[in-house]
Amino acid sequence: MAEENMLAGTVAVVTGAGRGIGRAFAMLMARHGATVAGRSLREAVFRAVHSCRNAQALTQARMLGPVEGLSPGEIDLVAKLTPGQVGRSWEYWLARLAGNP
């Protein structure tokens, strides 16, 4: 197995991956083939929820006909999460869990 693919097929959530040793650890894992889901638990949950919703939407859209992928520019734009996006979603989900929609 090639050294750069030691973690291929592995999904990792590295809390604190936005800075310091957590960031270095997440980058190292990604360089060895792991999929790093987020820089924090909140971001990992955000990405998991929205990946699931996107998969459902894509499945429904494919029933209507061919679906085009995103352009490189659209991919770059979507990849840039702000703390506000993640934080608002997190607070919304917490409120839903507590029974306060």
PDB file of N, CA and C in Angstrom:
ATOM      1  N   MET A   1       0.851  -1.177   0.000  1.00  0.00           N
ATOM      2  CA  MET A   1       0.000   0.000   0.000  1.00  0.00           C
ATOM      3  C   MET A   1       0.893   1.236   0.000  1.00  0.00           C
ATOM      4  N   ALA A   2       0.564   2.181  -0.868  1.00  0.00           N
ATOM      5  CA  ALA A   2       1.354   3.409  -0.926  1.00  0.00           C
ATOM      6  C   ALA A   2       1.203   4.196   0.365  1.00  0.00           C
ATOM      7  N   GLU A   3       2.287   4.815   0.776  1.00  0.00           N
ATOM      8  CA  GLU A   3       2.283   5.555   2.043  1.00  0.00           C
ATOM      9  C   GLU A   3       1.231   6.660   2.075  1.00  0.00           C
ATOM     10  N   GLU A   4       0.995   7.325   0.926  1.00  0.00           N
ATOM     11  CA  GLU A   4       0.031   8.419   0.914  1.00  0.00           C
ATOM     12  C   GLU A   4      -1.414   7.928   0.981  1.00  0.00           C
ATOM     13  N   ASN A   5      -1.650   6.631   0.835  1.00  0.00           N
ATOM     14  CA  ASN A   5      -3.002   6.078   0.885  1.00  0.00           C
ATOM     15  C   ASN A   5      -3.234   5.197   2.110  1.00  0.00           C
ATOM     16  N   MET A   6      -2.447   5.377   3.156  1.00  0.00           N
ATOM     17  CA  MET A   6      -2.559   4.528   4.341  1.00  0.00           C
ATOM     18  C   MET A   6      -3.946   4.603   4.976  1.00  0.00           C
ATOM     19  N   LEU A   7      -4.621   5.722   4.852  1.00  0.00           N
ATOM     20  CA  LEU A   7      -5.921   5.907   5.499  1.00  0.00           C
ATOM     21  C   LEU A   7      -7.068   5.985   4.496  1.00  0.00           C
ATOM     22  N   ALA A   8      -6.855   5.546   3.259  1.00  0.00           N
ATOM     23  CA  ALA A   8      -7.898   5.589   2.243  1.00  0.00           C
ATOM     24  C   ALA A   8      -9.127   4.837   2.734  1.00  0.00           C
ATOM     25  N   GLY A   9     -10.284   5.451   2.544  1.00  0.00           N
ATOM     26  CA  GLY A   9     -11.528   4.843   2.980  1.00  0.00           C
ATOM     27  C   GLY A   9     -11.900   5.161   4.416  1.00  0.00           C
ATOM     28  N   THR A  10     -11.049   5.886   5.123  1.00  0.00           N
ATOM     29  CA  THR A  10     -11.297   6.254   6.511  1.00  0.00           C
ATOM     30  C   THR A  10     -11.943   7.630   6.558  1.00  0.00           C
ATOM     31  N   VAL A  11     -12.949   7.774   7.421  1.00  0.00           N
ATOM     32  CA  VAL A  11     -13.559   9.083   7.645  1.00  0.00           C
ATOM     33  C   VAL A  11     -13.174   9.517   9.044  1.00  0.00           C
ATOM     34  N   ALA A  12     -12.691  10.753   9.171  1.00  0.00           N
ATOM     35  CA  ALA A  12     -12.230  11.248  10.463  1.00  0.00           C
ATOM     36  C   ALA A  12     -12.911  12.560  10.813  1.00  0.00           C
ATOM     37  N   VAL A  13     -13.324  12.665  12.059  1.00  0.00           N
ATOM     38  CA  VAL A  13     -13.787  13.936  12.602  1.00  0.00           C
ATOM     39  C   VAL A  13     -12.733  14.348  13.615  1.00  0.00           C
ATOM     40  N   VAL A  14     -12.036  15.433  13.321  1.00  0.00           N
ATOM     41  CA  VAL A  14     -10.971  15.902  14.199  1.00  0.00           C
ATOM     42  C   VAL A  14     -11.455  17.175  14.871  1.00  0.00           C
ATOM     43  N   THR A  15     -11.790  17.085  16.161  1.00  0.00           N
ATOM     44  CA  THR A  15     -12.212  18.297  16.845  1.00  0.00           C
ATOM     45  C   THR A  15     -11.000  19.192  17.055  1.00  0.00           C
ATOM     46  N   GLY A  16     -11.208  20.472  16.933  1.00  0.00           N
ATOM     47  CA  GLY A  16     -10.107  21.415  17.056  1.00  0.00           C
ATOM     48  C   GLY A  16      -9.240  21.470  15.819  1.00  0.00           C
ATOM     49  N   ALA A  17      -9.763  21.000  14.687  1.00  0.00           N
ATOM     50  CA  ALA A  17      -8.956  20.943  13.472  1.00  0.00           C
ATOM     51  C   ALA A  17      -8.797  22.292  12.786  1.00  0.00           C
ATOM     52  N   GLY A  18      -9.389  23.327  13.348  1.00  0.00           N
ATOM     53  CA  GLY A  18      -9.270  24.655  12.761  1.00  0.00           C
ATOM     54  C   GLY A  18      -7.968  25.346  13.075  1.00  0.00           C
ATOM     55  N   ARG A  19      -7.243  24.854  14.098  1.00  0.00           N
ATOM     56  CA  ARG A  19      -5.993  25.526  14.463  1.00  0.00           C
ATOM     57  C   ARG A  19      -5.103  24.577  15.257  1.00  0.00           C
ATOM     58  N   GLY A  20      -3.877  25.000  15.418  1.00  0.00           N
ATOM     59  CA  GLY A  20      -2.927  24.275  16.268  1.00  0.00           C
ATOM     60  C   GLY A  20      -2.681  22.833  15.867  1.00  0.00           C
ATOM     61  N   ILE A  21      -2.484  22.004  16.883  1.00  0.00           N
ATOM     62  CA  ILE A  21      -2.147  20.606  16.630  1.00  0.00           C
ATOM     63  C   ILE A  21      -3.298  19.856  15.970  1.00  0.00           C
ATOM     64  N   GLY A  22      -4.535  20.262  16.281  1.00  0.00           N
ATOM     65  CA  GLY A  22      -5.689  19.632  15.638  1.00  0.00           C
ATOM     66  C   GLY A  22      -5.661  19.839  14.133  1.00  0.00           C
ATOM     67  N   ARG A  23      -5.295  21.052  13.712  1.00  0.00           N
ATOM     68  CA  ARG A  23      -5.214  21.344  12.272  1.00  0.00           C
ATOM     69  C   ARG A  23      -4.114  20.510  11.623  1.00  0.00           C
ATOM     70  N   ALA A  24      -2.961  20.440  12.272  1.00  0.00           N
ATOM     71  CA  ALA A  24      -1.849  19.654  11.720  1.00  0.00           C
ATOM     72  C   ALA A  24      -2.237  18.175  11.624  1.00  0.00           C
ATOM     73  N   PHE A  25      -2.913  17.670  12.640  1.00  0.00           N
ATOM     74  CA  PHE A  25      -3.346  16.270  12.650  1.00  0.00           C
ATOM     75  C   PHE A  25      -4.340  16.005  11.520  1.00  0.00           C
ATOM     76  N   ALA A  26      -5.315  16.918  11.341  1.00  0.00           N
ATOM     77  CA  ALA A  26      -6.310  16.756  10.277  1.00  0.00           C
ATOM     78  C   ALA A  26      -5.652  16.792   8.901  1.00  0.00           C
ATOM     79  N   MET A  27      -4.692  17.706   8.710  1.00  0.00           N
ATOM     80  CA  MET A  27      -4.001  17.793   7.427  1.00  0.00           C
ATOM     81  C   MET A  27      -3.185  16.534   7.157  1.00  0.00           C
ATOM     82  N   LEU A  28      -2.523  16.021   8.170  1.00  0.00           N
ATOM     83  CA  LEU A  28      -1.742  14.799   8.019  1.00  0.00           C
ATOM     84  C   LEU A  28      -2.644  13.633   7.623  1.00  0.00           C
ATOM     85  N   MET A  29      -3.793  13.508   8.304  1.00  0.00           N
ATOM     86  CA  MET A  29      -4.723  12.433   7.982  1.00  0.00           C
ATOM     87  C   MET A  29      -5.244  12.562   6.558  1.00  0.00           C
ATOM     88  N   ALA A  30      -5.589  13.789   6.159  1.00  0.00           N
ATOM     89  CA  ALA A  30      -6.089  14.011   4.804  1.00  0.00           C
ATOM     90  C   ALA A  30      -5.029  13.678   3.757  1.00  0.00           C
ATOM     91  N   ARG A  31      -3.788  14.030   4.029  1.00  0.00           N
ATOM     92  CA  ARG A  31      -2.706  13.733   3.081  1.00  0.00           C
ATOM     93  C   ARG A  31      -2.443  12.235   2.942  1.00  0.00           C
ATOM     94  N   HIS A  32      -2.872  11.471   3.927  1.00  0.00           N
ATOM     95  CA  HIS A  32      -2.717  10.020   3.863  1.00  0.00           C
ATOM     96  C   HIS A  32      -3.990   9.331   3.401  1.00  0.00           C
ATOM     97  N   GLY A  33      -4.938  10.089   2.850  1.00  0.00           N
ATOM     98  CA  GLY A  33      -6.097   9.501   2.206  1.00  0.00           C
ATOM     99  C   GLY A  33      -7.390   9.512   2.997  1.00  0.00           C
ATOM    100  N   ALA A  34      -7.394   9.983   4.241  1.00  0.00           N
ATOM    101  CA  ALA A  34      -8.626  10.020   5.034  1.00  0.00           C
ATOM    102  C   ALA A  34      -9.516  11.167   4.567  1.00  0.00           C
ATOM    103  N   THR A  35     -10.794  11.004   4.725  1.00  0.00           N
ATOM    104  CA  THR A  35     -11.742  12.084   4.499  1.00  0.00           C
ATOM    105  C   THR A  35     -11.965  12.761   5.839  1.00  0.00           C
ATOM    106  N   VAL A  36     -11.554  14.002   5.947  1.00  0.00           N
ATOM    107  CA  VAL A  36     -11.729  14.755   7.198  1.00  0.00           C
ATOM    108  C   VAL A  36     -13.016  15.551   7.053  1.00  0.00           C
ATOM    109  N   ALA A  37     -13.982  15.262   7.921  1.00  0.00           N
ATOM    110  CA  ALA A  37     -15.337  15.783   7.756  1.00  0.00           C
ATOM    111  C   ALA A  37     -15.537  17.197   8.265  1.00  0.00           C
ATOM    112  N   GLY A  38     -14.708  17.686   9.151  1.00  0.00           N
ATOM    113  CA  GLY A  38     -14.924  19.031   9.653  1.00  0.00           C
ATOM    114  C   GLY A  38     -13.864  19.448  10.643  1.00  0.00           C
ATOM    115  N   ARG A  39     -13.813  20.753  10.881  1.00  0.00           N
ATOM    116  CA  ARG A  39     -12.830  21.287  11.821  1.00  0.00           C
ATOM    117  C   ARG A  39     -13.338  21.226  13.256  1.00  0.00           C
ATOM    118  N   SER A  40     -14.605  20.868  13.422  1.00  0.00           N
ATOM    119  CA  SER A  40     -15.195  20.760  14.751  1.00  0.00           C
ATOM    120  C   SER A  40     -16.362  19.785  14.660  1.00  0.00           C
ATOM    121  N   LEU A  41     -16.866  19.371  15.807  1.00  0.00           N
ATOM    122  CA  LEU A  41     -18.027  18.484  15.816  1.00  0.00           C
ATOM    123  C   LEU A  41     -19.210  19.162  15.144  1.00  0.00           C
ATOM    124  N   ARG A  42     -19.407  20.435  15.434  1.00  0.00           N
ATOM    125  CA  ARG A  42     -20.522  21.162  14.818  1.00  0.00           C
ATOM    126  C   ARG A  42     -20.413  21.180  13.298  1.00  0.00           C
ATOM    127  N   GLU A  43     -19.217  21.426  12.782  1.00  0.00           N
ATOM    128  CA  GLU A  43     -19.037  21.451  11.326  1.00  0.00           C
ATOM    129  C   GLU A  43     -19.223  20.059  10.730  1.00  0.00           C
ATOM    130  N   ALA A  44     -18.752  19.027  11.410  1.00  0.00           N
ATOM    131  CA  ALA A  44     -18.930  17.662  10.920  1.00  0.00           C
ATOM    132  C   ALA A  44     -20.409  17.303  10.850  1.00  0.00           C
ATOM    133  N   VAL A  45     -21.176  17.689  11.869  1.00  0.00           N
ATOM    134  CA  VAL A  45     -22.619  17.431  11.862  1.00  0.00           C
ATOM    135  C   VAL A  45     -23.272  18.222  10.743  1.00  0.00           C
ATOM    136  N   PHE A  46     -22.891  19.487  10.589  1.00  0.00           N
ATOM    137  CA  PHE A  46     -23.425  20.328   9.516  1.00  0.00           C
ATOM    138  C   PHE A  46     -23.201  19.660   8.159  1.00  0.00           C
ATOM    139  N   ARG A  47     -21.971  19.223   7.920  1.00  0.00           N
ATOM    140  CA  ARG A  47     -21.654  18.599   6.628  1.00  0.00           C
ATOM    141  C   ARG A  47     -22.409  17.277   6.445  1.00  0.00           C
ATOM    142  N   ALA A  48     -22.547  16.497   7.507  1.00  0.00           N
ATOM    143  CA  ALA A  48     -23.262  15.220   7.401  1.00  0.00           C
ATOM    144  C   ALA A  48     -24.740  15.444   7.079  1.00  0.00           C
ATOM    145  N   VAL A  49     -25.378  16.367   7.789  1.00  0.00           N
ATOM    146  CA  VAL A  49     -26.801  16.640   7.558  1.00  0.00           C
ATOM    147  C   VAL A  49     -27.019  17.144   6.135  1.00  0.00           C
ATOM    148  N   HIS A  50     -26.192  18.099   5.717  1.00  0.00           N
ATOM    149  CA  HIS A  50     -26.392  18.671   4.387  1.00  0.00           C
ATOM    150  C   HIS A  50     -25.969  17.720   3.270  1.00  0.00           C
ATOM    151  N   SER A  51     -25.012  16.860   3.509  1.00  0.00           N
ATOM    152  CA  SER A  51     -24.659  15.845   2.510  1.00  0.00           C
ATOM    153  C   SER A  51     -25.824  14.890   2.292  1.00  0.00           C
ATOM    154  N   CYS A  52     -26.482  14.507   3.374  1.00  0.00           N
ATOM    155  CA  CYS A  52     -27.647  13.622   3.283  1.00  0.00           C
ATOM    156  C   CYS A  52     -28.778  14.310   2.517  1.00  0.00           C
ATOM    157  N   ARG A  53     -29.054  15.571   2.865  1.00  0.00           N
ATOM    158  CA  ARG A  53     -30.111  16.318   2.162  1.00  0.00           C
ATOM    159  C   ARG A  53     -29.779  16.503   0.677  1.00  0.00           C
ATOM    160  N   ASN A  54     -28.515  16.787   0.385  1.00  0.00           N
ATOM    161  CA  ASN A  54     -28.107  16.946  -1.012  1.00  0.00           C
ATOM    162  C   ASN A  54     -28.257  15.643  -1.782  1.00  0.00           C
ATOM    163  N   ALA A  55     -27.927  14.525  -1.146  1.00  0.00           N
ATOM    164  CA  ALA A  55     -28.066  13.222  -1.802  1.00  0.00           C
ATOM    165  C   ALA A  55     -29.534  12.930  -2.113  1.00  0.00           C
ATOM    166  N   GLN A  56     -30.431  13.272  -1.182  1.00  0.00           N
ATOM    167  CA  GLN A  56     -31.860  13.079  -1.427  1.00  0.00           C
ATOM    168  C   GLN A  56     -32.342  13.946  -2.585  1.00  0.00           C
ATOM    169  N   ALA A  57     -31.910  15.207  -2.608  1.00  0.00           N
ATOM    170  CA  ALA A  57     -32.309  16.117  -3.688  1.00  0.00           C
ATOM    171  C   ALA A  57     -31.756  15.637  -5.032  1.00  0.00           C
ATOM    172  N   LEU A  58     -30.516  15.177  -5.048  1.00  0.00           N
ATOM    173  CA  LEU A  58     -29.909  14.683  -6.280  1.00  0.00           C
ATOM    174  C   LEU A  58     -30.632  13.439  -6.790  1.00  0.00           C
ATOM    175  N   THR A  59     -30.998  12.556  -5.888  1.00  0.00           N
ATOM    176  CA  THR A  59     -31.731  11.346  -6.273  1.00  0.00           C
ATOM    177  C   THR A  59     -33.064  11.712  -6.916  1.00  0.00           C
ATOM    178  N   GLN A  60     -33.774  12.656  -6.324  1.00  0.00           N
ATOM    179  CA  GLN A  60     -35.055  13.088  -6.890  1.00  0.00           C
ATOM    180  C   GLN A  60     -34.868  13.795  -8.226  1.00  0.00           C
ATOM    181  N   ALA A  61     -33.835  14.622  -8.325  1.00  0.00           N
ATOM    182  CA  ALA A  61     -33.575  15.343  -9.574  1.00  0.00           C
ATOM    183  C   ALA A  61     -33.232  14.384 -10.708  1.00  0.00           C
ATOM    184  N   ARG A  62     -32.498  13.313 -10.392  1.00  0.00           N
ATOM    185  CA  ARG A  62     -32.112  12.354 -11.439  1.00  0.00           C
ATOM    186  C   ARG A  62     -33.321  11.631 -12.012  1.00  0.00           C
ATOM    187  N   MET A  63     -34.406  11.575 -11.265  1.00  0.00           N
ATOM    188  CA  MET A  63     -35.634  10.965 -11.786  1.00  0.00           C
ATOM    189  C   MET A  63     -36.243  11.821 -12.887  1.00  0.00           C
ATOM    190  N   LEU A  64     -35.903  13.098 -12.895  1.00  0.00           N
ATOM    191  CA  LEU A  64     -36.435  14.018 -13.898  1.00  0.00           C
ATOM    192  C   LEU A  64     -35.572  14.097 -15.147  1.00  0.00           C
ATOM    193  N   GLY A  65     -34.332  13.639 -15.061  1.00  0.00           N
ATOM    194  CA  GLY A  65     -33.436  13.689 -16.203  1.00  0.00           C
ATOM    195  C   GLY A  65     -31.996  13.856 -15.774  1.00  0.00           C
ATOM    196  N   PRO A  66     -31.102  14.107 -16.731  1.00  0.00           N
ATOM    197  CA  PRO A  66     -29.682  14.258 -16.419  1.00  0.00           C
ATOM    198  C   PRO A  66     -29.431  15.447 -15.483  1.00  0.00           C
ATOM    199  N   VAL A  67     -28.438  15.285 -14.640  1.00  0.00           N
ATOM    200  CA  VAL A  67     -28.069  16.327 -13.678  1.00  0.00           C
ATOM    201  C   VAL A  67     -26.627  16.737 -13.943  1.00  0.00           C
ATOM    202  N   GLU A  68     -26.391  18.045 -14.029  1.00  0.00           N
ATOM    203  CA  GLU A  68     -25.030  18.553 -14.230  1.00  0.00           C
ATOM    204  C   GLU A  68     -24.344  18.745 -12.885  1.00  0.00           C
ATOM    205  N   GLY A  69     -23.048  18.465 -12.849  1.00  0.00           N
ATOM    206  CA  GLY A  69     -22.268  18.707 -11.647  1.00  0.00           C
ATOM    207  C   GLY A  69     -21.952  20.184 -11.492  1.00  0.00           C
ATOM    208  N   LEU A  70     -21.423  20.530 -10.342  1.00  0.00           N
ATOM    209  CA  LEU A  70     -21.040  21.920 -10.088  1.00  0.00           C
ATOM    210  C   LEU A  70     -19.774  22.280 -10.862  1.00  0.00           C
ATOM    211  N   SER A  71     -19.657  23.543 -11.204  1.00  0.00           N
ATOM    212  CA  SER A  71     -18.431  24.030 -11.834  1.00  0.00           C
ATOM    213  C   SER A  71     -17.357  24.162 -10.757  1.00  0.00           C
ATOM    214  N   PRO A  72     -16.086  24.242 -11.141  1.00  0.00           N
ATOM    215  CA  PRO A  72     -15.028  24.437 -10.140  1.00  0.00           C
ATOM    216  C   PRO A  72     -15.261  25.671  -9.270  1.00  0.00           C
ATOM    217  N   GLY A  73     -15.759  26.752  -9.851  1.00  0.00           N
ATOM    218  CA  GLY A  73     -16.037  27.960  -9.079  1.00  0.00           C
ATOM    219  C   GLY A  73     -17.151  27.747  -8.066  1.00  0.00           C
ATOM    220  N   GLU A  74     -18.185  27.010  -8.470  1.00  0.00           N
ATOM    221  CA  GLU A  74     -19.287  26.711  -7.549  1.00  0.00           C
ATOM    222  C   GLU A  74     -18.812  25.812  -6.406  1.00  0.00           C
ATOM    223  N   ILE A  75     -17.946  24.876  -6.715  1.00  0.00           N
ATOM    224  CA  ILE A  75     -17.396  23.986  -5.686  1.00  0.00           C
ATOM    225  C   ILE A  75     -16.603  24.797  -4.673  1.00  0.00           C
ATOM    226  N   ASP A  76     -15.769  25.718  -5.149  1.00  0.00           N
ATOM    227  CA  ASP A  76     -14.991  26.575  -4.245  1.00  0.00           C
ATOM    228  C   ASP A  76     -15.906  27.405  -3.354  1.00  0.00           C
ATOM    229  N   LEU A  77     -16.975  27.937  -3.937  1.00  0.00           N
ATOM    230  CA  LEU A  77     -17.909  28.769  -3.180  1.00  0.00           C
ATOM    231  C   LEU A  77     -18.621  27.958  -2.095  1.00  0.00           C
ATOM    232  N   VAL A  78     -19.061  26.771  -2.436  1.00  0.00           N
ATOM    233  CA  VAL A  78     -19.774  25.910  -1.491  1.00  0.00           C
ATOM    234  C   VAL A  78     -18.847  25.440  -0.368  1.00  0.00           C
ATOM    235  N   ALA A  79     -17.580  25.258  -0.673  1.00  0.00           N
ATOM    236  CA  ALA A  79     -16.629  24.735   0.315  1.00  0.00           C
ATOM    237  C   ALA A  79     -16.309  25.746   1.415  1.00  0.00           C
ATOM    238  N   LYS A  80     -16.606  27.010   1.188  1.00  0.00           N
ATOM    239  CA  LYS A  80     -16.264  28.057   2.166  1.00  0.00           C
ATOM    240  C   LYS A  80     -17.401  28.245   3.163  1.00  0.00           C
ATOM    241  N   LEU A  81     -17.344  27.507   4.250  1.00  0.00           N
ATOM    242  CA  LEU A  81     -18.331  27.650   5.315  1.00  0.00           C
ATOM    243  C   LEU A  81     -17.927  28.784   6.242  1.00  0.00           C
ATOM    244  N   THR A  82     -18.913  29.494   6.729  1.00  0.00           N
ATOM    245  CA  THR A  82     -18.633  30.512   7.733  1.00  0.00           C
ATOM    246  C   THR A  82     -19.092  29.992   9.092  1.00  0.00           C
ATOM    247  N   PRO A  83     -18.484  30.477  10.167  1.00  0.00           N
ATOM    248  CA  PRO A  83     -18.938  30.059  11.499  1.00  0.00           C
ATOM    249  C   PRO A  83     -20.418  30.355  11.722  1.00  0.00           C
ATOM    250  N   GLY A  84     -20.922  31.420  11.103  1.00  0.00           N
ATOM    251  CA  GLY A  84     -22.331  31.767  11.247  1.00  0.00           C
ATOM    252  C   GLY A  84     -23.254  30.714  10.667  1.00  0.00           C
ATOM    253  N   GLN A  85     -22.900  30.181   9.494  1.00  0.00           N
ATOM    254  CA  GLN A  85     -23.725  29.141   8.878  1.00  0.00           C
ATOM    255  C   GLN A  85     -23.800  27.914   9.778  1.00  0.00           C
ATOM    256  N   VAL A  86     -22.658  27.491  10.255  1.00  0.00           N
ATOM    257  CA  VAL A  86     -22.596  26.298  11.096  1.00  0.00           C
ATOM    258  C   VAL A  86     -23.293  26.562  12.423  1.00  0.00           C
ATOM    259  N   GLY A  87     -23.030  27.714  13.034  1.00  0.00           N
ATOM    260  CA  GLY A  87     -23.606  28.044  14.327  1.00  0.00           C
ATOM    261  C   GLY A  87     -25.121  28.162  14.298  1.00  0.00           C
ATOM    262  N   ARG A  88     -25.667  28.824  13.271  1.00  0.00           N
ATOM    263  CA  ARG A  88     -27.124  28.962  13.166  1.00  0.00           C
ATOM    264  C   ARG A  88     -27.785  27.604  12.996  1.00  0.00           C
ATOM    265  N   SER A  89     -27.191  26.761  12.166  1.00  0.00           N
ATOM    266  CA  SER A  89     -27.752  25.416  11.975  1.00  0.00           C
ATOM    267  C   SER A  89     -27.702  24.625  13.266  1.00  0.00           C
ATOM    268  N   TRP A  90     -26.570  24.687  13.955  1.00  0.00           N
ATOM    269  CA  TRP A  90     -26.409  23.962  15.222  1.00  0.00           C
ATOM    270  C   TRP A  90     -27.484  24.399  16.238  1.00  0.00           C
ATOM    271  N   GLU A  91     -27.674  25.707  16.382  1.00  0.00           N
ATOM    272  CA  GLU A  91     -28.672  26.225  17.330  1.00  0.00           C
ATOM    273  C   GLU A  91     -30.086  25.799  16.929  1.00  0.00           C
ATOM    274  N   TYR A  92     -30.364  25.795  15.635  1.00  0.00           N
ATOM    275  CA  TYR A  92     -31.673  25.355  15.139  1.00  0.00           C
ATOM    276  C   TYR A  92     -31.912  23.885  15.493  1.00  0.00           C
ATOM    277  N   TRP A  93     -30.904  23.046  15.240  1.00  0.00           N
ATOM    278  CA  TRP A  93     -31.072  21.620  15.544  1.00  0.00           C
ATOM    279  C   TRP A  93     -31.209  21.373  17.040  1.00  0.00           C
ATOM    280  N   LEU A  94     -30.472  22.117  17.853  1.00  0.00           N
ATOM    281  CA  LEU A  94     -30.615  21.976  19.308  1.00  0.00           C
ATOM    282  C   LEU A  94     -32.019  22.361  19.753  1.00  0.00           C
ATOM    283  N   ALA A  95     -32.542  23.441  19.199  1.00  0.00           N
ATOM    284  CA  ALA A  95     -33.901  23.874  19.546  1.00  0.00           C
ATOM    285  C   ALA A  95     -34.929  22.820  19.126  1.00  0.00           C
ATOM    286  N   ARG A  96     -34.740  22.225  17.964  1.00  0.00           N
ATOM    287  CA  ARG A  96     -35.653  21.172  17.503  1.00  0.00           C
ATOM    288  C   ARG A  96     -35.600  19.968  18.432  1.00  0.00           C
ATOM    289  N   LEU A  97     -34.404  19.595  18.870  1.00  0.00           N
ATOM    290  CA  LEU A  97     -34.266  18.466  19.791  1.00  0.00           C
ATOM    291  C   LEU A  97     -34.931  18.756  21.124  1.00  0.00           C
ATOM    292  N   ALA A  98     -34.900  20.014  21.549  1.00  0.00           N
ATOM    293  CA  ALA A  98     -35.498  20.401  22.821  1.00  0.00           C
ATOM    294  C   ALA A  98     -37.013  20.608  22.701  1.00  0.00           C
ATOM    295  N   GLY A  99     -37.537  20.491  21.480  1.00  0.00           N
ATOM    296  CA  GLY A  99     -38.973  20.665  21.271  1.00  0.00           C
ATOM    297  C   GLY A  99     -39.392  22.106  21.073  1.00  0.00           C
ATOM    298  N   ASN A 100     -38.456  22.968  20.689  1.00  0.00           N
ATOM    299  CA  ASN A 100     -38.741  24.390  20.435  1.00  0.00           C
ATOM    300  C   ASN A 100     -38.446  24.728  18.975  1.00  0.00           C
ATOM    301  N   PRO A 101     -39.377  24.411  18.070  1.00  0.00           N
ATOM    302  CA  PRO A 101     -39.097  24.637  16.639  1.00  0.00           C
ATOM    303  C   PRO A 101     -38.897  26.036  16.272  1.00  0.00           C
TER     304      PRO A 101
END
